[in-house]
Amino acid sequence: MKRVLIVYDSRTGRTERMAKKIADGVRSLGHEVVFRRVADVRNESELAGFDAYLFGSPTYFRRTTEAVKTFLFLAQKADLRGKVGGAFGSYTHIGSGPRMIYDTMEQVFGMEMADVNPFNLKEQILDSGKGDQPCLDYGKAIGGHL
């Protein structure tokens, strides 16, 4: 069994909902999942001991939240090079936040990004309930990469 850390920020609960459904997909393959909100991660040592990392943020004004930006600077100190990574988030108009996270994890941190690319769902899809299955599928794809 591998250990997966999901760290996310959520203002409306939609990205948190995504995180929980993604976790269900990862768990369905027998892996352990730990959740943390970005505000609860105080130092880089709290990121140690995991085999894979998924970072999530809603997109506001074409960017991640400020809390996620701050978190990424902290995560850079954790030396995640070579670890499996994935990024996800929700959006209303333009969903570029997860791509920014993904690119940071790959290019700056040197992580081995899962070949499923950043995952992004429009908020209306999440609200309709049609977003649950894609989230589960993303979690299974990440879990299968371990």
C-alpha atoms as a PDB file:
ATOM      1  CA  MET A   1       0.000   0.000   0.000  1.00  0.00           C
ATOM      2  CA  LYS A   2       1.288   3.429  -0.968  1.00  0.00           C
ATOM      3  CA  ARG A   3       0.593   6.671   0.899  1.00  0.00           C
ATOM      4  CA  VAL A   4      -0.921   9.626  -0.952  1.00  0.00           C
ATOM      5  CA  LEU A   5      -1.197  13.177   0.369  1.00  0.00           C
ATOM      6  CA  ILE A   6      -3.921  15.450  -0.975  1.00  0.00           C
ATOM      7  CA  VAL A   7      -3.462  19.132  -0.121  1.00  0.00           C
ATOM      8  CA  TYR A   8      -6.113  21.567  -1.319  1.00  0.00           C
ATOM      9  CA  ASP A   9      -7.729  24.943  -0.895  1.00  0.00           C
ATOM     10  CA  SER A  10     -11.470  25.396  -1.308  1.00  0.00           C
ATOM     11  CA  ARG A  11     -13.595  28.475  -0.849  1.00  0.00           C
ATOM     12  CA  THR A  12     -17.023  27.154  -1.857  1.00  0.00           C
ATOM     13  CA  GLY A  13     -16.531  23.462  -1.058  1.00  0.00           C
ATOM     14  CA  ARG A  14     -16.315  22.371  -4.688  1.00  0.00           C
ATOM     15  CA  THR A  15     -12.574  21.716  -4.776  1.00  0.00           C
ATOM     16  CA  GLU A  16     -12.878  19.961  -1.417  1.00  0.00           C
ATOM     17  CA  ARG A  17     -15.591  17.753  -2.921  1.00  0.00           C
ATOM     18  CA  MET A  18     -13.263  16.960  -5.815  1.00  0.00           C
ATOM     19  CA  ALA A  19     -10.490  16.048  -3.344  1.00  0.00           C
ATOM     20  CA  LYS A  20     -12.759  13.613  -1.511  1.00  0.00           C
ATOM     21  CA  LYS A  21     -13.936  11.904  -4.700  1.00  0.00           C
ATOM     22  CA  ILE A  22     -10.380  11.707  -6.060  1.00  0.00           C
ATOM     23  CA  ALA A  23      -9.380  10.114  -2.734  1.00  0.00           C
ATOM     24  CA  ASP A  24     -12.134   7.523  -3.152  1.00  0.00           C
ATOM     25  CA  GLY A  25     -10.609   6.596  -6.513  1.00  0.00           C
ATOM     26  CA  VAL A  26      -7.110   6.297  -5.025  1.00  0.00           C
ATOM     27  CA  ARG A  27      -8.427   4.211  -2.102  1.00  0.00           C
ATOM     28  CA  SER A  28     -10.268   1.865  -4.470  1.00  0.00           C
ATOM     29  CA  LEU A  29      -6.821   0.629  -5.535  1.00  0.00           C
ATOM     30  CA  GLY A  30      -5.814  -0.075  -1.938  1.00  0.00           C
ATOM     31  CA  HIS A  31      -3.751   3.022  -1.194  1.00  0.00           C
ATOM     32  CA  GLU A  32      -3.913   5.169   1.930  1.00  0.00           C
ATOM     33  CA  VAL A  33      -4.957   8.823   1.543  1.00  0.00           C
ATOM     34  CA  VAL A  34      -4.278  11.717   3.914  1.00  0.00           C
ATOM     35  CA  PHE A  35      -6.033  15.103   3.487  1.00  0.00           C
ATOM     36  CA  ARG A  36      -4.803  18.517   4.483  1.00  0.00           C
ATOM     37  CA  ARG A  37      -6.077  21.992   3.735  1.00  0.00           C
ATOM     38  CA  VAL A  38      -3.271  24.313   2.626  1.00  0.00           C
ATOM     39  CA  ALA A  39      -3.849  26.528   5.664  1.00  0.00           C
ATOM     40  CA  ASP A  40      -3.121  23.561   7.950  1.00  0.00           C
ATOM     41  CA  VAL A  41       0.331  22.803   6.500  1.00  0.00           C
ATOM     42  CA  ARG A  42       2.790  24.814   8.578  1.00  0.00           C
ATOM     43  CA  ASN A  43       6.192  23.497   7.450  1.00  0.00           C
ATOM     44  CA  GLU A  44       7.769  21.267   4.839  1.00  0.00           C
ATOM     45  CA  SER A  45       8.362  18.385   7.260  1.00  0.00           C
ATOM     46  CA  GLU A  46       4.599  17.755   7.244  1.00  0.00           C
ATOM     47  CA  LEU A  47       4.938  16.720   3.591  1.00  0.00           C
ATOM     48  CA  ALA A  48       7.444  13.929   4.286  1.00  0.00           C
ATOM     49  CA  GLY A  49       6.700  10.222   4.021  1.00  0.00           C
ATOM     50  CA  PHE A  50       4.295  10.051   1.090  1.00  0.00           C
ATOM     51  CA  ASP A  51       4.625   8.278  -2.253  1.00  0.00           C
ATOM     52  CA  ALA A  52       2.390  10.632  -4.220  1.00  0.00           C
ATOM     53  CA  TYR A  53       1.099  14.185  -3.875  1.00  0.00           C
ATOM     54  CA  LEU A  54      -2.023  15.814  -5.281  1.00  0.00           C
ATOM     55  CA  PHE A  55      -2.409  19.548  -4.911  1.00  0.00           C
ATOM     56  CA  GLY A  56      -5.719  21.270  -5.633  1.00  0.00           C
ATOM     57  CA  SER A  57      -7.020  24.805  -5.982  1.00  0.00           C
ATOM     58  CA  PRO A  58     -10.001  26.553  -7.466  1.00  0.00           C
ATOM     59  CA  THR A  59      -9.169  29.078 -10.167  1.00  0.00           C
ATOM     60  CA  TYR A  60      -9.870  32.718  -9.329  1.00  0.00           C
ATOM     61  CA  PHE A  61      -8.998  35.426 -11.819  1.00  0.00           C
ATOM     62  CA  ARG A  62      -7.063  32.880 -13.925  1.00  0.00           C
ATOM     63  CA  ARG A  63      -4.850  31.849 -11.009  1.00  0.00           C
ATOM     64  CA  THR A  64      -4.710  29.620  -7.985  1.00  0.00           C
ATOM     65  CA  THR A  65      -5.681  31.069  -4.634  1.00  0.00           C
ATOM     66  CA  GLU A  66      -3.065  33.077  -2.740  1.00  0.00           C
ATOM     67  CA  ALA A  67      -2.979  30.358  -0.077  1.00  0.00           C
ATOM     68  CA  VAL A  68      -1.949  27.781  -2.688  1.00  0.00           C
ATOM     69  CA  LYS A  69       0.757  30.073  -4.063  1.00  0.00           C
ATOM     70  CA  THR A  70       2.189  30.423  -0.557  1.00  0.00           C
ATOM     71  CA  PHE A  71       1.897  26.669  -0.010  1.00  0.00           C
ATOM     72  CA  LEU A  72       3.829  25.924  -3.213  1.00  0.00           C
ATOM     73  CA  PHE A  73       6.785  27.980  -1.944  1.00  0.00           C
ATOM     74  CA  LEU A  74       6.717  25.918   1.255  1.00  0.00           C
ATOM     75  CA  ALA A  75       6.378  22.635  -0.684  1.00  0.00           C
ATOM     76  CA  GLN A  76       9.426  23.509  -2.760  1.00  0.00           C
ATOM     77  CA  LYS A  77      11.513  23.134   0.406  1.00  0.00           C
ATOM     78  CA  ALA A  78      10.245  19.559   0.946  1.00  0.00           C
ATOM     79  CA  ASP A  79      12.373  18.025  -1.849  1.00  0.00           C
ATOM     80  CA  LEU A  80       9.622  16.153  -3.678  1.00  0.00           C
ATOM     81  CA  ARG A  81      11.890  15.361  -6.654  1.00  0.00           C
ATOM     82  CA  GLY A  82      10.964  12.058  -8.277  1.00  0.00           C
ATOM     83  CA  LYS A  83       7.709  11.658  -6.340  1.00  0.00           C
ATOM     84  CA  VAL A  84       4.444  11.052  -8.209  1.00  0.00           C
ATOM     85  CA  GLY A  85       2.320  14.172  -8.563  1.00  0.00           C
ATOM     86  CA  GLY A  86      -1.034  15.408  -9.793  1.00  0.00           C
ATOM     87  CA  ALA A  87      -3.017  18.658  -9.757  1.00  0.00           C
ATOM     88  CA  PHE A  88      -6.735  19.400  -9.746  1.00  0.00           C
ATOM     89  CA  GLY A  89      -9.270  22.151  -9.238  1.00  0.00           C
ATOM     90  CA  SER A  90     -12.598  23.729 -10.081  1.00  0.00           C
ATOM     91  CA  TYR A  91     -13.417  26.836 -12.069  1.00  0.00           C
ATOM     92  CA  THR A  92     -16.211  29.009 -13.441  1.00  0.00           C
ATOM     93  CA  HIS A  93     -14.786  30.680 -16.563  1.00  0.00           C
ATOM     94  CA  ILE A  94     -11.136  29.862 -17.227  1.00  0.00           C
ATOM     95  CA  GLY A  95      -9.560  27.001 -15.313  1.00  0.00           C
ATOM     96  CA  SER A  96      -5.848  27.700 -15.446  1.00  0.00           C
ATOM     97  CA  GLY A  97      -5.070  27.142 -11.729  1.00  0.00           C
ATOM     98  CA  PRO A  98      -4.419  23.379 -11.866  1.00  0.00           C
ATOM     99  CA  ARG A  99      -2.160  23.812 -14.919  1.00  0.00           C
ATOM    100  CA  MET A 100      -0.036  26.295 -12.958  1.00  0.00           C
ATOM    101  CA  ILE A 101       0.221  23.861 -10.040  1.00  0.00           C
ATOM    102  CA  TYR A 102       1.026  20.961 -12.370  1.00  0.00           C
ATOM    103  CA  ASP A 103       3.740  22.909 -14.186  1.00  0.00           C
ATOM    104  CA  THR A 104       5.278  23.991 -10.862  1.00  0.00           C
ATOM    105  CA  MET A 105       5.312  20.418  -9.581  1.00  0.00           C
ATOM    106  CA  GLU A 106       6.902  19.150 -12.782  1.00  0.00           C
ATOM    107  CA  GLN A 107       9.307  21.954 -13.726  1.00  0.00           C
ATOM    108  CA  VAL A 108      10.269  23.470 -10.363  1.00  0.00           C
ATOM    109  CA  PHE A 109       9.931  20.516  -7.988  1.00  0.00           C
ATOM    110  CA  GLY A 110      11.127  17.851 -10.474  1.00  0.00           C
ATOM    111  CA  MET A 111       8.256  15.522  -9.674  1.00  0.00           C
ATOM    112  CA  GLU A 112       7.176  12.584 -11.814  1.00  0.00           C
ATOM    113  CA  MET A 113       3.795  13.803 -12.932  1.00  0.00           C
ATOM    114  CA  ALA A 114       1.111  11.220 -13.613  1.00  0.00           C
ATOM    115  CA  ASP A 115       0.401  11.063 -17.328  1.00  0.00           C
ATOM    116  CA  VAL A 116      -3.226  12.157 -16.856  1.00  0.00           C
ATOM    117  CA  ASN A 117      -2.378  15.898 -16.940  1.00  0.00           C
ATOM    118  CA  PRO A 118      -3.931  18.511 -14.628  1.00  0.00           C
ATOM    119  CA  PHE A 119      -7.559  17.824 -13.848  1.00  0.00           C
ATOM    120  CA  ASN A 120     -10.092  20.617 -13.936  1.00  0.00           C
ATOM    121  CA  LEU A 121     -13.893  20.623 -13.658  1.00  0.00           C
ATOM    122  CA  LYS A 122     -16.321  23.413 -14.285  1.00  0.00           C
ATOM    123  CA  GLU A 123     -18.321  24.252 -11.152  1.00  0.00           C
ATOM    124  CA  GLN A 124     -21.658  23.676 -12.896  1.00  0.00           C
ATOM    125  CA  ILE A 125     -20.643  20.062 -13.603  1.00  0.00           C
ATOM    126  CA  LEU A 126     -19.722  19.556  -9.965  1.00  0.00           C
ATOM    127  CA  ASP A 127     -23.000  21.087  -8.823  1.00  0.00           C
ATOM    128  CA  SER A 128     -24.978  18.767 -11.112  1.00  0.00           C
ATOM    129  CA  GLY A 129     -23.365  15.652  -9.612  1.00  0.00           C
ATOM    130  CA  LYS A 130     -21.907  14.690 -12.984  1.00  0.00           C
ATOM    131  CA  GLY A 131     -18.416  15.495 -11.737  1.00  0.00           C
ATOM    132  CA  ASP A 132     -18.172  12.628  -9.266  1.00  0.00           C
ATOM    133  CA  GLN A 133     -17.238   9.939 -11.791  1.00  0.00           C
ATOM    134  CA  PRO A 134     -14.489  11.961 -13.508  1.00  0.00           C
ATOM    135  CA  CYS A 135     -13.007  12.659 -10.057  1.00  0.00           C
ATOM    136  CA  LEU A 136     -13.074   8.970  -9.171  1.00  0.00           C
ATOM    137  CA  ASP A 137     -11.447   8.161 -12.516  1.00  0.00           C
ATOM    138  CA  TYR A 138      -8.695  10.720 -11.925  1.00  0.00           C
ATOM    139  CA  GLY A 139      -8.000   9.212  -8.495  1.00  0.00           C
ATOM    140  CA  LYS A 140      -7.797   5.724 -10.016  1.00  0.00           C
ATOM    141  CA  ALA A 141      -5.426   6.972 -12.709  1.00  0.00           C
ATOM    142  CA  ILE A 142      -3.144   8.551 -10.094  1.00  0.00           C
ATOM    143  CA  GLY A 143      -3.352   5.454  -7.897  1.00  0.00           C
ATOM    144  CA  GLY A 144      -2.549   3.245 -10.872  1.00  0.00           C
ATOM    145  CA  HIS A 145       0.607   5.262 -11.486  1.00  0.00           C
ATOM    146  CA  LEU A 146       2.047   4.194  -8.124  1.00  0.00           C
END
